[in-house]
Amino acid sequence: MIFSVLINILIVFFMLSLFVGLYMFFCRDYRHFKGIGRLEDLYWGDAFLNRFYFVLTTFTTIGYGDITPKSKRARILTISILLFIMVIILKAFDGFIKTYYGVYDTVKDDIKSETKKLEHRNGGD
């Protein structure tokens, strides 16, 4: 159960890193984004932080709108990432639901077996 949750968390972090890397590679120039100025995106660390912020606000569906894709390349990449995110979120949500019901069924079965044991003991006296 915990292993499944940890795997899903690692998948999410891997996807965030992958998407930031894609933006750093394909949309490194500040002109691909509305809301990022040349001086705010001058150094690699600043560019990374801007793309990470954009990906995280997009990934969490908050989408403040302060940084938006401006070029066609950035829009196409954003659309692709959003579609992929939807699949990953649904897969992770499915995993959480299956894990929950697996634990629920185990506890329910344990309660039934304990109840039968108690009924057997009380019925035999």
Protein backbone atom coordinates (compact mmCIF):
# COMPACT_ATOMS: atom_id res chain seq x y z
CA MET A 1 0.00 0.00 0.00
CA ILE A 2 2.67 2.53 1.00
CA PHE A 3 4.85 1.33 -1.85
CA SER A 4 2.07 2.11 -4.33
CA VAL A 5 1.65 5.64 -2.94
CA LEU A 6 5.41 6.26 -3.06
CA ILE A 7 5.55 5.06 -6.66
CA ASN A 8 2.76 7.48 -7.61
CA ILE A 9 4.55 10.37 -5.86
CA LEU A 10 7.79 9.52 -7.68
CA ILE A 11 5.92 9.43 -10.98
CA VAL A 12 4.51 12.91 -10.32
CA PHE A 13 7.96 14.32 -9.46
CA PHE A 14 9.47 12.66 -12.52
CA MET A 15 6.76 14.16 -14.74
CA LEU A 16 7.27 17.63 -13.26
CA SER A 17 11.01 17.36 -13.90
CA LEU A 18 10.44 16.08 -17.42
CA PHE A 19 8.06 18.91 -18.29
CA VAL A 20 10.36 21.59 -16.89
CA GLY A 21 13.19 20.04 -18.91
CA LEU A 22 11.09 20.14 -22.06
CA TYR A 23 10.35 23.83 -21.55
CA MET A 24 14.02 24.52 -20.80
CA PHE A 25 15.00 22.81 -24.05
CA PHE A 26 12.27 23.90 -26.47
CA CYS A 27 11.15 27.22 -24.97
CA ARG A 28 14.29 28.59 -23.27
CA ASP A 29 13.85 32.06 -24.80
CA TYR A 30 11.71 34.38 -22.66
CA ARG A 31 9.80 35.47 -25.76
CA HIS A 32 7.90 32.17 -25.75
CA PHE A 33 6.03 33.30 -22.63
CA LYS A 34 3.86 36.29 -21.89
CA GLY A 35 4.64 37.56 -18.41
CA ILE A 36 8.38 36.80 -18.37
CA GLY A 37 10.71 39.70 -19.09
CA ARG A 38 14.21 39.47 -20.56
CA LEU A 39 15.90 40.48 -17.31
CA GLU A 40 13.76 38.06 -15.28
CA ASP A 41 14.90 35.19 -17.49
CA LEU A 42 18.54 36.12 -18.06
CA TYR A 43 20.26 33.40 -16.00
CA TRP A 44 19.73 29.64 -16.18
CA GLY A 45 18.51 29.42 -12.57
CA ASP A 46 15.94 32.16 -13.13
CA ALA A 47 14.73 30.51 -16.34
CA PHE A 48 14.43 27.17 -14.56
CA LEU A 49 12.45 28.73 -11.72
CA ASN A 50 10.10 30.49 -14.17
CA ARG A 51 9.41 27.28 -16.09
CA PHE A 52 9.04 25.26 -12.89
CA TYR A 53 6.54 27.81 -11.58
CA PHE A 54 4.60 27.69 -14.86
CA VAL A 55 4.55 23.88 -14.96
CA LEU A 56 3.53 23.60 -11.30
CA THR A 57 0.67 26.10 -11.62
CA THR A 58 -0.47 24.31 -14.77
CA PHE A 59 -0.05 20.84 -13.23
CA THR A 60 -2.07 21.75 -10.14
CA THR A 61 -4.73 23.40 -12.35
CA ILE A 62 -4.37 26.66 -10.41
CA GLY A 63 -3.26 28.50 -13.55
CA TYR A 64 -2.81 32.03 -12.24
CA GLY A 65 -2.36 33.40 -15.76
CA ASP A 66 0.59 35.63 -14.89
CA ILE A 67 2.82 33.47 -17.11
CA THR A 68 1.14 32.14 -20.26
CA PRO A 69 2.41 30.54 -23.46
CA LYS A 70 2.89 33.13 -26.20
CA SER A 71 4.45 31.27 -29.14
CA LYS A 72 2.88 28.39 -31.05
CA ARG A 73 5.69 26.13 -29.90
CA ALA A 74 4.98 26.87 -26.23
CA ARG A 75 1.22 26.46 -26.74
CA ILE A 76 1.62 23.10 -28.46
CA LEU A 77 3.96 21.90 -25.71
CA THR A 78 1.54 23.12 -23.04
CA ILE A 79 -1.41 21.35 -24.69
CA SER A 80 0.63 18.14 -24.93
CA ILE A 81 1.67 18.37 -21.30
CA LEU A 82 -1.90 19.06 -20.15
CA LEU A 83 -3.21 16.00 -21.98
CA PHE A 84 -0.43 13.87 -20.52
CA ILE A 85 -1.06 15.30 -17.03
CA MET A 86 -4.72 14.37 -17.27
CA VAL A 87 -3.79 10.76 -18.00
CA ILE A 88 -1.23 10.63 -15.17
CA ILE A 89 -3.62 12.20 -12.65
CA LEU A 90 -6.37 9.76 -13.60
CA LYS A 91 -3.93 6.84 -13.32
CA ALA A 92 -2.71 8.02 -9.91
CA PHE A 93 -6.28 8.62 -8.72
CA ASP A 94 -7.22 5.12 -9.88
CA GLY A 95 -4.26 3.74 -7.92
CA PHE A 96 -5.30 5.60 -4.77
CA ILE A 97 -8.90 4.34 -5.09
CA LYS A 98 -7.78 0.74 -5.63
CA THR A 99 -5.43 0.97 -2.64
CA TYR A 100 -8.20 2.40 -0.45
CA TYR A 101 -10.66 -0.30 -1.41
CA GLY A 102 -8.00 -2.98 -0.98
CA VAL A 103 -7.41 -1.84 2.61
CA TYR A 104 -11.17 -1.47 3.17
CA ASP A 105 -11.86 -5.00 1.92
CA THR A 106 -9.09 -6.45 4.09
CA VAL A 107 -10.42 -4.74 7.22
CA LYS A 108 -13.99 -5.77 6.36
CA ASP A 109 -12.90 -9.41 5.91
CA ASP A 110 -10.99 -9.31 9.22
CA ILE A 111 -14.07 -7.98 11.01
CA LYS A 112 -16.25 -10.72 9.48
CA SER A 113 -13.83 -13.47 10.48
CA GLU A 114 -13.55 -12.12 14.03
CA THR A 115 -17.34 -11.90 14.25
CA LYS A 116 -17.68 -15.52 13.10
CA LYS A 117 -15.11 -16.63 15.70
CA LEU A 118 -17.01 -14.83 18.45
CA GLU A 119 -20.34 -16.29 17.28
CA HIS A 120 -18.80 -19.76 17.17
CA ARG A 121 -17.42 -19.38 20.72
CA ASN A 122 -20.68 -18.01 22.09
CA GLY A 123 -22.78 -20.57 20.24
CA GLY A 124 -20.70 -23.46 21.61
CA ASP A 125 -21.18 -22.50 25.30
